[in-house]
Amino acid sequence: MSNEVLGRFQRAADSSTLAEATVQDFEQITARHRGLYWQVPAPEFSQSVAAHARLGLRLLRLFGPDGLRQRLARAAGETAMMAGRLAFFDLHQPSEAEKWYQLGLEASREAGDHALAAAVLAHAAFVPAYRGDAAKARDLIRAARAHATHHTSPLTRAWLYAVEAEITAKLGEAHTSLDRIARAEGTLGQSSQHEDPAWLDFFDAGRLDGFAGFCYLAAQHTDDARRALHASLDTLGENAVKQRVVVLADIATSHVLDQEVEHACATLHQALDHLDVSWYAIGAARIREVREQLDPWDSVTAIRELDDRIYSWGNTMRVFTG
């Protein structure tokens, strides 16, 4: 952050009046964070995002025109949501993520932004879903859907269906999961007067294929899963290193289900190649889940070699820290 921008923030804090320049600068940094998310290691980046979110929430205490306050609240809410994403998906800190999602929801209410509220709620639903708290996860998804009825784009609604599909698959509801994937596919690409929000840079047709692959696995449809997952892999950009870990781990799962142990191990090695580039807690957890499924073939040489890599010194330390 430049000295000029810092100076503007400080003057705003001293004056008790929200300035147009302050909001513009805050919005610009929020926009830059969207790109940095894909480029900067999460442990370092999360500290910057958290500090920016805290600053935005403090600036909301200042007096100012409603329009300025709404813009600031929208940017602060997006930043809080990103802080929650980093805490949960990248760093395996679910309790910390929940705190940020709560703040993000409060900021989205201040902004009157239903699409942002829906996104925060959908992100928050992953936390109880991965804990096995089905009732809480469903409640948050219902809340997200309710907000999504207010002036949201088809891409936003398709992403919400995809999130619900993954969560219901995680909760063991394979039939419901596939239904939500079908709804997401039907919603994606619909014409609408509502623009896609700038923060929705983590979803498109290729990412939907990744969600679909996960859900097909839950339904034991391995051929369909592999087709969808490979389609997703082919569309991911160079900066989507984290997502590649997840997709490759899911492809490995499909091979395990078909008892193709050598293929599963080879695919997990590819996933580990990407994990070495950019650590991603959810991706690492997915890899460990696949390894557990390989337990019946522990004596196979390929699995012993895989264990040597998964539990190298660096990765073993990460197992202890999450």
C-alpha atoms as a PDB file:
ATOM      1  CA  MET A   1       0.000   0.000   0.000  1.00  0.00           C
ATOM      2  CA  SER A   2       1.489   3.410  -0.988  1.00  0.00           C
ATOM      3  CA  ASN A   3       2.199   6.180   1.522  1.00  0.00           C
ATOM      4  CA  GLU A   4      -0.375   8.320  -0.265  1.00  0.00           C
ATOM      5  CA  VAL A   5      -3.116   5.718   0.222  1.00  0.00           C
ATOM      6  CA  LEU A   6      -2.102   5.173   3.849  1.00  0.00           C
ATOM      7  CA  GLY A   7      -2.261   8.899   4.378  1.00  0.00           C
ATOM      8  CA  ARG A   8      -5.785   9.090   3.011  1.00  0.00           C
ATOM      9  CA  PHE A   9      -6.922   6.280   5.302  1.00  0.00           C
ATOM     10  CA  GLN A  10      -5.323   8.005   8.282  1.00  0.00           C
ATOM     11  CA  ARG A  11      -6.929  11.341   7.471  1.00  0.00           C
ATOM     12  CA  ALA A  12     -10.304   9.612   7.151  1.00  0.00           C
ATOM     13  CA  ALA A  13      -9.830   7.964  10.539  1.00  0.00           C
ATOM     14  CA  ASP A  14      -8.900  11.313  12.083  1.00  0.00           C
ATOM     15  CA  SER A  15     -11.740  13.286  10.524  1.00  0.00           C
ATOM     16  CA  SER A  16     -14.727  11.079  11.452  1.00  0.00           C
ATOM     17  CA  THR A  17     -16.117  11.682   7.929  1.00  0.00           C
ATOM     18  CA  LEU A  18     -15.952   9.097   5.167  1.00  0.00           C
ATOM     19  CA  ALA A  19     -14.305  10.473   2.026  1.00  0.00           C
ATOM     20  CA  GLU A  20     -14.857   9.445  -1.604  1.00  0.00           C
ATOM     21  CA  ALA A  21     -11.094   9.014  -2.124  1.00  0.00           C
ATOM     22  CA  THR A  22     -10.875   6.689   0.886  1.00  0.00           C
ATOM     23  CA  VAL A  23     -13.606   4.425  -0.444  1.00  0.00           C
ATOM     24  CA  GLN A  24     -12.075   4.406  -3.921  1.00  0.00           C
ATOM     25  CA  ASP A  25      -8.680   3.396  -2.549  1.00  0.00           C
ATOM     26  CA  PHE A  26     -10.215   0.698  -0.363  1.00  0.00           C
ATOM     27  CA  GLU A  27     -12.162  -0.708  -3.324  1.00  0.00           C
ATOM     28  CA  GLN A  28      -9.014  -0.763  -5.468  1.00  0.00           C
ATOM     29  CA  ILE A  29      -7.095  -2.772  -2.886  1.00  0.00           C
ATOM     30  CA  THR A  30     -10.026  -5.181  -2.567  1.00  0.00           C
ATOM     31  CA  ALA A  31      -9.967  -5.681  -6.340  1.00  0.00           C
ATOM     32  CA  ARG A  32      -6.198  -6.313  -6.301  1.00  0.00           C
ATOM     33  CA  HIS A  33      -6.696  -8.962  -3.624  1.00  0.00           C
ATOM     34  CA  ARG A  34      -8.850 -10.985  -6.027  1.00  0.00           C
ATOM     35  CA  GLY A  35      -5.871 -11.542  -8.280  1.00  0.00           C
ATOM     36  CA  LEU A  36      -3.375 -11.967  -5.469  1.00  0.00           C
ATOM     37  CA  TYR A  37      -5.448 -14.816  -4.006  1.00  0.00           C
ATOM     38  CA  TRP A  38      -4.304 -17.031  -6.879  1.00  0.00           C
ATOM     39  CA  GLN A  39      -0.665 -15.925  -6.706  1.00  0.00           C
ATOM     40  CA  VAL A  40       0.432 -15.453  -3.078  1.00  0.00           C
ATOM     41  CA  PRO A  41       0.882 -18.271  -0.516  1.00  0.00           C
ATOM     42  CA  ALA A  42      -2.072 -18.360   1.832  1.00  0.00           C
ATOM     43  CA  PRO A  43      -0.230 -18.056   5.184  1.00  0.00           C
ATOM     44  CA  GLU A  44       1.290 -14.718   4.148  1.00  0.00           C
ATOM     45  CA  PHE A  45      -1.663 -13.461   2.130  1.00  0.00           C
ATOM     46  CA  SER A  46      -4.272 -14.192   4.805  1.00  0.00           C
ATOM     47  CA  GLN A  47      -2.654 -11.698   7.163  1.00  0.00           C
ATOM     48  CA  SER A  48      -2.903  -8.919   4.573  1.00  0.00           C
ATOM     49  CA  VAL A  49      -6.520  -9.734   3.742  1.00  0.00           C
ATOM     50  CA  ALA A  50      -7.509  -9.894   7.421  1.00  0.00           C
ATOM     51  CA  ALA A  51      -5.885  -6.515   8.097  1.00  0.00           C
ATOM     52  CA  HIS A  52      -7.682  -4.974   5.118  1.00  0.00           C
ATOM     53  CA  ALA A  53     -11.001  -6.393   6.272  1.00  0.00           C
ATOM     54  CA  ARG A  54     -10.517  -5.034   9.784  1.00  0.00           C
ATOM     55  CA  LEU A  55      -9.690  -1.612   8.365  1.00  0.00           C
ATOM     56  CA  GLY A  56     -12.849  -1.607   6.251  1.00  0.00           C
ATOM     57  CA  LEU A  57     -15.005  -2.547   9.212  1.00  0.00           C
ATOM     58  CA  ARG A  58     -13.413   0.225  11.297  1.00  0.00           C
ATOM     59  CA  LEU A  59     -13.978   2.779   8.537  1.00  0.00           C
ATOM     60  CA  LEU A  60     -17.670   1.840   8.519  1.00  0.00           C
ATOM     61  CA  ARG A  61     -17.909   3.520  11.927  1.00  0.00           C
ATOM     62  CA  LEU A  62     -17.352   6.890  10.242  1.00  0.00           C
ATOM     63  CA  PHE A  63     -20.139   9.179   9.128  1.00  0.00           C
ATOM     64  CA  GLY A  64     -20.733   9.552   5.411  1.00  0.00           C
ATOM     65  CA  PRO A  65     -23.330   9.551   2.604  1.00  0.00           C
ATOM     66  CA  ASP A  66     -25.333   6.337   2.328  1.00  0.00           C
ATOM     67  CA  GLY A  67     -23.955   5.596  -1.130  1.00  0.00           C
ATOM     68  CA  LEU A  68     -20.362   5.749   0.058  1.00  0.00           C
ATOM     69  CA  ARG A  69     -21.103   3.628   3.083  1.00  0.00           C
ATOM     70  CA  GLN A  70     -22.765   0.981   0.925  1.00  0.00           C
ATOM     71  CA  ARG A  71     -19.760   0.829  -1.407  1.00  0.00           C
ATOM     72  CA  LEU A  72     -17.366   0.532   1.519  1.00  0.00           C
ATOM     73  CA  ALA A  73     -19.529  -2.106   3.178  1.00  0.00           C
ATOM     74  CA  ARG A  74     -19.643  -4.121  -0.056  1.00  0.00           C
ATOM     75  CA  ALA A  75     -15.847  -4.065  -0.388  1.00  0.00           C
ATOM     76  CA  ALA A  76     -15.344  -4.827   3.314  1.00  0.00           C
ATOM     77  CA  GLY A  77     -17.836  -7.691   3.093  1.00  0.00           C
ATOM     78  CA  GLU A  78     -16.065  -9.179   0.080  1.00  0.00           C
ATOM     79  CA  THR A  79     -12.733  -8.931   1.902  1.00  0.00           C
ATOM     80  CA  ALA A  80     -14.146 -10.584   5.020  1.00  0.00           C
ATOM     81  CA  MET A  81     -15.513 -13.387   2.840  1.00  0.00           C
ATOM     82  CA  MET A  82     -12.058 -13.836   1.287  1.00  0.00           C
ATOM     83  CA  ALA A  83     -10.506 -13.941   4.757  1.00  0.00           C
ATOM     84  CA  GLY A  84     -12.978 -16.699   5.612  1.00  0.00           C
ATOM     85  CA  ARG A  85     -12.152 -18.617   2.428  1.00  0.00           C
ATOM     86  CA  LEU A  86      -8.452 -18.445   3.207  1.00  0.00           C
ATOM     87  CA  ALA A  87      -9.027 -19.558   6.799  1.00  0.00           C
ATOM     88  CA  PHE A  88     -11.217 -22.538   5.900  1.00  0.00           C
ATOM     89  CA  PHE A  89     -10.104 -23.819   2.506  1.00  0.00           C
ATOM     90  CA  ASP A  90      -6.436 -22.856   2.526  1.00  0.00           C
ATOM     91  CA  LEU A  91      -5.403 -23.003   6.182  1.00  0.00           C
ATOM     92  CA  HIS A  92      -7.891 -25.395   7.833  1.00  0.00           C
ATOM     93  CA  GLN A  93      -9.031 -22.911  10.479  1.00  0.00           C
ATOM     94  CA  PRO A  94     -12.821 -23.442  10.528  1.00  0.00           C
ATOM     95  CA  SER A  95     -13.509 -21.480  13.718  1.00  0.00           C
ATOM     96  CA  GLU A  96     -11.588 -18.494  12.364  1.00  0.00           C
ATOM     97  CA  ALA A  97     -13.482 -18.788   9.077  1.00  0.00           C
ATOM     98  CA  GLU A  98     -16.832 -18.662  10.860  1.00  0.00           C
ATOM     99  CA  LYS A  99     -15.870 -15.390  12.553  1.00  0.00           C
ATOM    100  CA  TRP A 100     -15.019 -13.805   9.210  1.00  0.00           C
ATOM    101  CA  TYR A 101     -18.190 -15.074   7.567  1.00  0.00           C
ATOM    102  CA  GLN A 102     -20.239 -13.499  10.361  1.00  0.00           C
ATOM    103  CA  LEU A 103     -18.511 -10.162   9.773  1.00  0.00           C
ATOM    104  CA  GLY A 104     -18.959 -10.545   6.031  1.00  0.00           C
ATOM    105  CA  LEU A 105     -22.679 -11.124   6.488  1.00  0.00           C
ATOM    106  CA  GLU A 106     -22.991  -8.031   8.662  1.00  0.00           C
ATOM    107  CA  ALA A 107     -21.177  -5.945   6.051  1.00  0.00           C
ATOM    108  CA  SER A 108     -23.345  -7.312   3.222  1.00  0.00           C
ATOM    109  CA  ARG A 109     -26.433  -6.284   5.216  1.00  0.00           C
ATOM    110  CA  GLU A 110     -24.982  -2.777   5.598  1.00  0.00           C
ATOM    111  CA  ALA A 111     -24.414  -2.724   1.829  1.00  0.00           C
ATOM    112  CA  GLY A 112     -27.880  -4.107   1.053  1.00  0.00           C
ATOM    113  CA  ASP A 113     -26.145  -6.613  -1.241  1.00  0.00           C
ATOM    114  CA  HIS A 114     -28.161  -9.842  -1.424  1.00  0.00           C
ATOM    115  CA  ALA A 115     -25.766 -11.553  -3.844  1.00  0.00           C
ATOM    116  CA  LEU A 116     -22.858 -11.008  -1.466  1.00  0.00           C
ATOM    117  CA  ALA A 117     -24.956 -12.203   1.468  1.00  0.00           C
ATOM    118  CA  ALA A 118     -25.856 -15.362  -0.454  1.00  0.00           C
ATOM    119  CA  ALA A 119     -22.183 -15.973  -1.230  1.00  0.00           C
ATOM    120  CA  VAL A 120     -21.096 -15.500   2.379  1.00  0.00           C
ATOM    121  CA  LEU A 121     -23.817 -17.851   3.616  1.00  0.00           C
ATOM    122  CA  ALA A 122     -22.950 -20.496   1.016  1.00  0.00           C
ATOM    123  CA  HIS A 123     -19.276 -20.338   1.975  1.00  0.00           C
ATOM    124  CA  ALA A 124     -20.243 -20.584   5.639  1.00  0.00           C
ATOM    125  CA  ALA A 125     -22.293 -23.731   4.933  1.00  0.00           C
ATOM    126  CA  PHE A 126     -19.119 -25.661   4.113  1.00  0.00           C
ATOM    127  CA  VAL A 127     -17.940 -25.413   7.731  1.00  0.00           C
ATOM    128  CA  PRO A 128     -20.777 -27.388   9.375  1.00  0.00           C
ATOM    129  CA  ALA A 129     -21.008 -29.709   6.367  1.00  0.00           C
ATOM    130  CA  TYR A 130     -17.401 -30.802   6.835  1.00  0.00           C
ATOM    131  CA  ARG A 131     -18.084 -31.221  10.556  1.00  0.00           C
ATOM    132  CA  GLY A 132     -21.047 -33.463   9.762  1.00  0.00           C
ATOM    133  CA  ASP A 133     -23.610 -30.970  11.104  1.00  0.00           C
ATOM    134  CA  ALA A 134     -26.216 -31.500   8.404  1.00  0.00           C
ATOM    135  CA  ALA A 135     -28.946 -29.373  10.002  1.00  0.00           C
ATOM    136  CA  LYS A 136     -26.743 -26.285  10.276  1.00  0.00           C
ATOM    137  CA  ALA A 137     -25.365 -26.714   6.764  1.00  0.00           C
ATOM    138  CA  ARG A 138     -28.858 -27.033   5.273  1.00  0.00           C
ATOM    139  CA  ASP A 139     -30.075 -23.994   7.208  1.00  0.00           C
ATOM    140  CA  LEU A 140     -27.262 -21.848   5.838  1.00  0.00           C
ATOM    141  CA  ILE A 141     -27.909 -23.076   2.293  1.00  0.00           C
ATOM    142  CA  ARG A 142     -31.606 -22.242   2.626  1.00  0.00           C
ATOM    143  CA  ALA A 143     -30.659 -18.758   3.802  1.00  0.00           C
ATOM    144  CA  ALA A 144     -28.302 -18.365   0.846  1.00  0.00           C
ATOM    145  CA  ARG A 145     -31.046 -19.420  -1.587  1.00  0.00           C
ATOM    146  CA  ALA A 146     -33.451 -16.923  -0.021  1.00  0.00           C
ATOM    147  CA  HIS A 147     -31.036 -14.058  -0.621  1.00  0.00           C
ATOM    148  CA  ALA A 148     -30.334 -15.312  -4.140  1.00  0.00           C
ATOM    149  CA  THR A 149     -33.941 -14.607  -5.152  1.00  0.00           C
ATOM    150  CA  HIS A 150     -33.118 -10.874  -5.004  1.00  0.00           C
ATOM    151  CA  HIS A 151     -31.540  -9.631  -8.229  1.00  0.00           C
ATOM    152  CA  THR A 152     -28.718 -12.150  -8.625  1.00  0.00           C
ATOM    153  CA  SER A 153     -27.121 -13.297 -11.874  1.00  0.00           C
ATOM    154  CA  PRO A 154     -27.512 -16.802 -13.335  1.00  0.00           C
ATOM    155  CA  LEU A 155     -23.827 -17.468 -12.690  1.00  0.00           C
ATOM    156  CA  THR A 156     -24.326 -16.663  -9.008  1.00  0.00           C
ATOM    157  CA  ARG A 157     -27.353 -18.947  -8.753  1.00  0.00           C
ATOM    158  CA  ALA A 158     -25.560 -21.738 -10.634  1.00  0.00           C
ATOM    159  CA  TRP A 159     -22.663 -21.511  -8.187  1.00  0.00           C
ATOM    160  CA  LEU A 160     -25.085 -21.718  -5.250  1.00  0.00           C
ATOM    161  CA  TYR A 161     -26.625 -24.886  -6.710  1.00  0.00           C
ATOM    162  CA  ALA A 162     -23.128 -26.312  -7.192  1.00  0.00           C
ATOM    163  CA  VAL A 163     -22.206 -25.535  -3.589  1.00  0.00           C
ATOM    164  CA  GLU A 164     -25.403 -27.173  -2.386  1.00  0.00           C
ATOM    165  CA  ALA A 165     -24.595 -30.179  -4.569  1.00  0.00           C
ATOM    166  CA  GLU A 166     -21.163 -30.637  -2.999  1.00  0.00           C
ATOM    167  CA  ILE A 167     -22.492 -30.163   0.508  1.00  0.00           C
ATOM    168  CA  THR A 168     -25.317 -32.663   0.065  1.00  0.00           C
ATOM    169  CA  ALA A 169     -22.840 -35.127  -1.470  1.00  0.00           C
ATOM    170  CA  LYS A 170     -20.586 -34.638   1.546  1.00  0.00           C
ATOM    171  CA  LEU A 171     -23.579 -35.386   3.787  1.00  0.00           C
ATOM    172  CA  GLY A 172     -24.304 -38.642   1.939  1.00  0.00           C
ATOM    173  CA  GLU A 173     -27.296 -37.445  -0.086  1.00  0.00           C
ATOM    174  CA  ALA A 174     -26.139 -38.502  -3.549  1.00  0.00           C
ATOM    175  CA  HIS A 175     -29.544 -38.267  -5.279  1.00  0.00           C
ATOM    176  CA  THR A 176     -30.152 -34.715  -4.055  1.00  0.00           C
ATOM    177  CA  SER A 177     -26.599 -33.811  -5.003  1.00  0.00           C
ATOM    178  CA  LEU A 178     -27.062 -34.889  -8.631  1.00  0.00           C
ATOM    179  CA  ASP A 179     -30.356 -33.006  -8.793  1.00  0.00           C
ATOM    180  CA  ARG A 180     -28.602 -29.793  -7.698  1.00  0.00           C
ATOM    181  CA  ILE A 181     -25.878 -30.322 -10.307  1.00  0.00           C
ATOM    182  CA  ALA A 182     -28.575 -30.626 -12.980  1.00  0.00           C
ATOM    183  CA  ARG A 183     -30.123 -27.374 -11.729  1.00  0.00           C
ATOM    184  CA  ALA A 184     -26.739 -25.651 -11.825  1.00  0.00           C
ATOM    185  CA  GLU A 185     -26.176 -26.813 -15.404  1.00  0.00           C
ATOM    186  CA  GLY A 186     -29.634 -25.598 -16.368  1.00  0.00           C
ATOM    187  CA  THR A 187     -29.085 -22.201 -14.768  1.00  0.00           C
ATOM    188  CA  LEU A 188     -25.601 -21.533 -16.134  1.00  0.00           C
ATOM    189  CA  GLY A 189     -25.703 -19.392 -19.241  1.00  0.00           C
ATOM    190  CA  GLN A 190     -29.280 -18.154 -18.837  1.00  0.00           C
ATOM    191  CA  SER A 191     -29.795 -14.607 -20.050  1.00  0.00           C
ATOM    192  CA  SER A 192     -30.273 -11.964 -17.402  1.00  0.00           C
ATOM    193  CA  GLN A 193     -30.195  -8.217 -16.869  1.00  0.00           C
ATOM    194  CA  HIS A 194     -28.137  -8.723 -13.722  1.00  0.00           C
ATOM    195  CA  GLU A 195     -24.349  -8.605 -14.058  1.00  0.00           C
ATOM    196  CA  ASP A 196     -22.069 -11.180 -12.507  1.00  0.00           C
ATOM    197  CA  PRO A 197     -20.401  -9.812  -9.366  1.00  0.00           C
ATOM    198  CA  ALA A 198     -16.720  -9.005  -9.778  1.00  0.00           C
ATOM    199  CA  TRP A 199     -15.807 -11.239  -6.822  1.00  0.00           C
ATOM    200  CA  LEU A 200     -17.242 -14.362  -8.493  1.00  0.00           C
ATOM    201  CA  ASP A 201     -13.957 -15.203 -10.213  1.00  0.00           C
ATOM    202  CA  PHE A 202     -13.800 -18.716  -8.749  1.00  0.00           C
ATOM    203  CA  PHE A 203     -16.632 -20.273 -10.773  1.00  0.00           C
ATOM    204  CA  ASP A 204     -17.396 -20.988 -14.404  1.00  0.00           C
ATOM    205  CA  ALA A 205     -18.489 -23.921 -16.560  1.00  0.00           C
ATOM    206  CA  GLY A 206     -15.172 -25.712 -15.997  1.00  0.00           C
ATOM    207  CA  ARG A 207     -15.419 -25.336 -12.223  1.00  0.00           C
ATOM    208  CA  LEU A 208     -18.977 -26.676 -12.428  1.00  0.00           C
ATOM    209  CA  ASP A 209     -17.559 -29.810 -14.052  1.00  0.00           C
ATOM    210  CA  GLY A 210     -15.350 -30.187 -10.978  1.00  0.00           C
ATOM    211  CA  PHE A 211     -18.362 -29.986  -8.675  1.00  0.00           C
ATOM    212  CA  ALA A 212     -20.203 -32.475 -10.893  1.00  0.00           C
ATOM    213  CA  GLY A 213     -17.309 -34.931 -10.769  1.00  0.00           C
ATOM    214  CA  PHE A 214     -17.298 -34.874  -6.971  1.00  0.00           C
ATOM    215  CA  CYS A 215     -21.044 -35.518  -6.901  1.00  0.00           C
ATOM    216  CA  TYR A 216     -20.850 -38.362  -9.424  1.00  0.00           C
ATOM    217  CA  LEU A 217     -18.241 -39.978  -7.177  1.00  0.00           C
ATOM    218  CA  ALA A 218     -20.631 -39.788  -4.244  1.00  0.00           C
ATOM    219  CA  ALA A 219     -23.166 -41.635  -6.389  1.00  0.00           C
ATOM    220  CA  GLN A 220     -20.515 -44.224  -7.416  1.00  0.00           C
ATOM    221  CA  HIS A 221     -20.785 -43.181 -11.088  1.00  0.00           C
ATOM    222  CA  THR A 222     -17.072 -43.430 -11.782  1.00  0.00           C
ATOM    223  CA  ASP A 223     -17.148 -43.109 -15.579  1.00  0.00           C
ATOM    224  CA  ASP A 224     -19.297 -39.981 -15.437  1.00  0.00           C
ATOM    225  CA  ALA A 225     -17.090 -38.627 -12.670  1.00  0.00           C
ATOM    226  CA  ARG A 226     -13.889 -39.064 -14.664  1.00  0.00           C
ATOM    227  CA  ARG A 227     -15.396 -37.455 -17.755  1.00  0.00           C
ATOM    228  CA  ALA A 228     -16.502 -34.417 -15.769  1.00  0.00           C
ATOM    229  CA  LEU A 229     -13.251 -34.144 -13.811  1.00  0.00           C
ATOM    230  CA  HIS A 230     -11.042 -34.384 -16.883  1.00  0.00           C
ATOM    231  CA  ALA A 231     -13.223 -31.773 -18.596  1.00  0.00           C
ATOM    232  CA  SER A 232     -12.703 -29.515 -15.591  1.00  0.00           C
ATOM    233  CA  LEU A 233      -8.953 -30.139 -15.573  1.00  0.00           C
ATOM    234  CA  ASP A 234      -8.709 -29.205 -19.255  1.00  0.00           C
ATOM    235  CA  THR A 235     -10.325 -25.799 -18.667  1.00  0.00           C
ATOM    236  CA  LEU A 236      -8.448 -24.682 -15.557  1.00  0.00           C
ATOM    237  CA  GLY A 237      -6.083 -21.776 -16.077  1.00  0.00           C
ATOM    238  CA  GLU A 238      -2.422 -21.744 -15.115  1.00  0.00           C
ATOM    239  CA  ASN A 239      -3.146 -19.949 -11.837  1.00  0.00           C
ATOM    240  CA  ALA A 240      -5.696 -22.550 -10.691  1.00  0.00           C
ATOM    241  CA  VAL A 241      -3.051 -24.646  -8.933  1.00  0.00           C
ATOM    242  CA  LYS A 242      -5.166 -25.180  -5.813  1.00  0.00           C
ATOM    243  CA  GLN A 243      -8.165 -26.403  -7.777  1.00  0.00           C
ATOM    244  CA  ARG A 244      -5.989 -28.804  -9.748  1.00  0.00           C
ATOM    245  CA  VAL A 245      -5.038 -30.528  -6.488  1.00  0.00           C
ATOM    246  CA  VAL A 246      -8.708 -31.120  -5.675  1.00  0.00           C
ATOM    247  CA  VAL A 247      -9.674 -32.295  -9.159  1.00  0.00           C
ATOM    248  CA  LEU A 248      -6.716 -34.674  -9.419  1.00  0.00           C
ATOM    249  CA  ALA A 249      -7.475 -36.113  -5.980  1.00  0.00           C
ATOM    250  CA  ASP A 250     -11.050 -36.752  -7.102  1.00  0.00           C
ATOM    251  CA  ILE A 251      -9.823 -38.436 -10.284  1.00  0.00           C
ATOM    252  CA  ALA A 252      -7.655 -40.639  -8.078  1.00  0.00           C
ATOM    253  CA  THR A 253     -10.749 -41.513  -6.032  1.00  0.00           C
ATOM    254  CA  SER A 254     -12.502 -42.683  -9.195  1.00  0.00           C
ATOM    255  CA  HIS A 255      -9.598 -45.042  -9.884  1.00  0.00           C
ATOM    256  CA  VAL A 256      -9.726 -46.391  -6.331  1.00  0.00           C
ATOM    257  CA  LEU A 257     -13.437 -47.111  -6.698  1.00  0.00           C
ATOM    258  CA  ASP A 258     -12.605 -49.099  -9.844  1.00  0.00           C
ATOM    259  CA  GLN A 259      -9.714 -50.823  -7.976  1.00  0.00           C
ATOM    260  CA  GLU A 260      -7.160 -49.294 -10.342  1.00  0.00           C
ATOM    261  CA  VAL A 261      -4.522 -48.824  -7.669  1.00  0.00           C
ATOM    262  CA  GLU A 262      -1.566 -47.924  -9.891  1.00  0.00           C
ATOM    263  CA  HIS A 263      -3.600 -45.256 -11.709  1.00  0.00           C
ATOM    264  CA  ALA A 264      -4.785 -43.852  -8.393  1.00  0.00           C
ATOM    265  CA  CYS A 265      -1.227 -43.553  -7.065  1.00  0.00           C
ATOM    266  CA  ALA A 266       0.065 -41.953 -10.263  1.00  0.00           C
ATOM    267  CA  THR A 267      -2.733 -39.379 -10.174  1.00  0.00           C
ATOM    268  CA  LEU A 268      -2.066 -38.587  -6.519  1.00  0.00           C
ATOM    269  CA  HIS A 269       1.573 -37.913  -7.391  1.00  0.00           C
ATOM    270  CA  GLN A 270       0.334 -35.325  -9.903  1.00  0.00           C
ATOM    271  CA  ALA A 271      -1.839 -33.765  -7.205  1.00  0.00           C
ATOM    272  CA  LEU A 272       1.143 -33.624  -4.861  1.00  0.00           C
ATOM    273  CA  ASP A 273       3.182 -31.874  -7.561  1.00  0.00           C
ATOM    274  CA  HIS A 274       0.667 -29.016  -7.478  1.00  0.00           C
ATOM    275  CA  LEU A 275       0.370 -29.090  -3.693  1.00  0.00           C
ATOM    276  CA  ASP A 276       4.129 -28.550  -3.508  1.00  0.00           C
ATOM    277  CA  VAL A 277       3.661 -25.357  -5.531  1.00  0.00           C
ATOM    278  CA  SER A 278       0.774 -23.953  -3.476  1.00  0.00           C
ATOM    279  CA  TRP A 279      -0.333 -25.462  -0.167  1.00  0.00           C
ATOM    280  CA  TYR A 280      -4.110 -25.913   0.045  1.00  0.00           C
ATOM    281  CA  ALA A 281      -5.573 -27.495   3.165  1.00  0.00           C
ATOM    282  CA  ILE A 282      -8.737 -28.794   1.515  1.00  0.00           C
ATOM    283  CA  GLY A 283      -6.659 -30.322  -1.282  1.00  0.00           C
ATOM    284  CA  ALA A 284      -4.321 -31.973   1.219  1.00  0.00           C
ATOM    285  CA  ALA A 285      -7.314 -33.354   3.117  1.00  0.00           C
ATOM    286  CA  ARG A 286      -8.731 -34.754  -0.138  1.00  0.00           C
ATOM    287  CA  ILE A 287      -5.421 -36.510  -0.841  1.00  0.00           C
ATOM    288  CA  ARG A 288      -5.379 -38.054   2.640  1.00  0.00           C
ATOM    289  CA  GLU A 289      -8.965 -39.270   2.147  1.00  0.00           C
ATOM    290  CA  VAL A 290      -7.930 -41.061  -1.034  1.00  0.00           C
ATOM    291  CA  ARG A 291      -4.941 -42.575   0.748  1.00  0.00           C
ATOM    292  CA  GLU A 292      -7.260 -43.991   3.416  1.00  0.00           C
ATOM    293  CA  GLN A 293      -9.298 -45.659   0.687  1.00  0.00           C
ATOM    294  CA  LEU A 294      -6.115 -47.352  -0.513  1.00  0.00           C
ATOM    295  CA  ASP A 295      -5.522 -49.113   2.828  1.00  0.00           C
ATOM    296  CA  PRO A 296      -6.605 -52.563   1.539  1.00  0.00           C
ATOM    297  CA  TRP A 297      -3.633 -52.485  -0.877  1.00  0.00           C
ATOM    298  CA  ASP A 298      -0.988 -51.350   1.638  1.00  0.00           C
ATOM    299  CA  SER A 299       1.525 -53.938   0.467  1.00  0.00           C
ATOM    300  CA  VAL A 300       1.635 -52.602  -3.104  1.00  0.00           C
ATOM    301  CA  THR A 301       4.949 -50.936  -3.932  1.00  0.00           C
ATOM    302  CA  ALA A 302       3.278 -47.919  -5.538  1.00  0.00           C
ATOM    303  CA  ILE A 303       1.456 -47.165  -2.273  1.00  0.00           C
ATOM    304  CA  ARG A 304       4.616 -47.443  -0.189  1.00  0.00           C
ATOM    305  CA  GLU A 305       6.290 -44.990  -2.569  1.00  0.00           C
ATOM    306  CA  LEU A 306       3.279 -42.711  -2.300  1.00  0.00           C
ATOM    307  CA  ASP A 307       3.484 -42.774   1.507  1.00  0.00           C
ATOM    308  CA  ASP A 308       7.143 -41.796   1.335  1.00  0.00           C
ATOM    309  CA  ARG A 309       6.073 -38.655  -0.454  1.00  0.00           C
ATOM    310  CA  ILE A 310       2.878 -37.841   1.443  1.00  0.00           C
ATOM    311  CA  TYR A 311       4.659 -38.189   4.772  1.00  0.00           C
ATOM    312  CA  SER A 312       7.920 -36.526   3.887  1.00  0.00           C
ATOM    313  CA  TRP A 313       9.293 -34.295   6.657  1.00  0.00           C
ATOM    314  CA  GLY A 314       7.580 -31.178   5.398  1.00  0.00           C
ATOM    315  CA  ASN A 315       4.221 -32.804   4.813  1.00  0.00           C
ATOM    316  CA  THR A 316       4.358 -34.688   8.126  1.00  0.00           C
ATOM    317  CA  MET A 317       4.706 -31.370   9.950  1.00  0.00           C
ATOM    318  CA  ARG A 318       1.721 -30.052   8.042  1.00  0.00           C
ATOM    319  CA  VAL A 319      -0.337 -33.069   9.143  1.00  0.00           C
ATOM    320  CA  PHE A 320       0.183 -31.906  12.732  1.00  0.00           C
ATOM    321  CA  THR A 321      -0.710 -28.289  11.972  1.00  0.00           C
ATOM    322  CA  GLY A 322      -3.789 -29.057   9.866  1.00  0.00           C
END
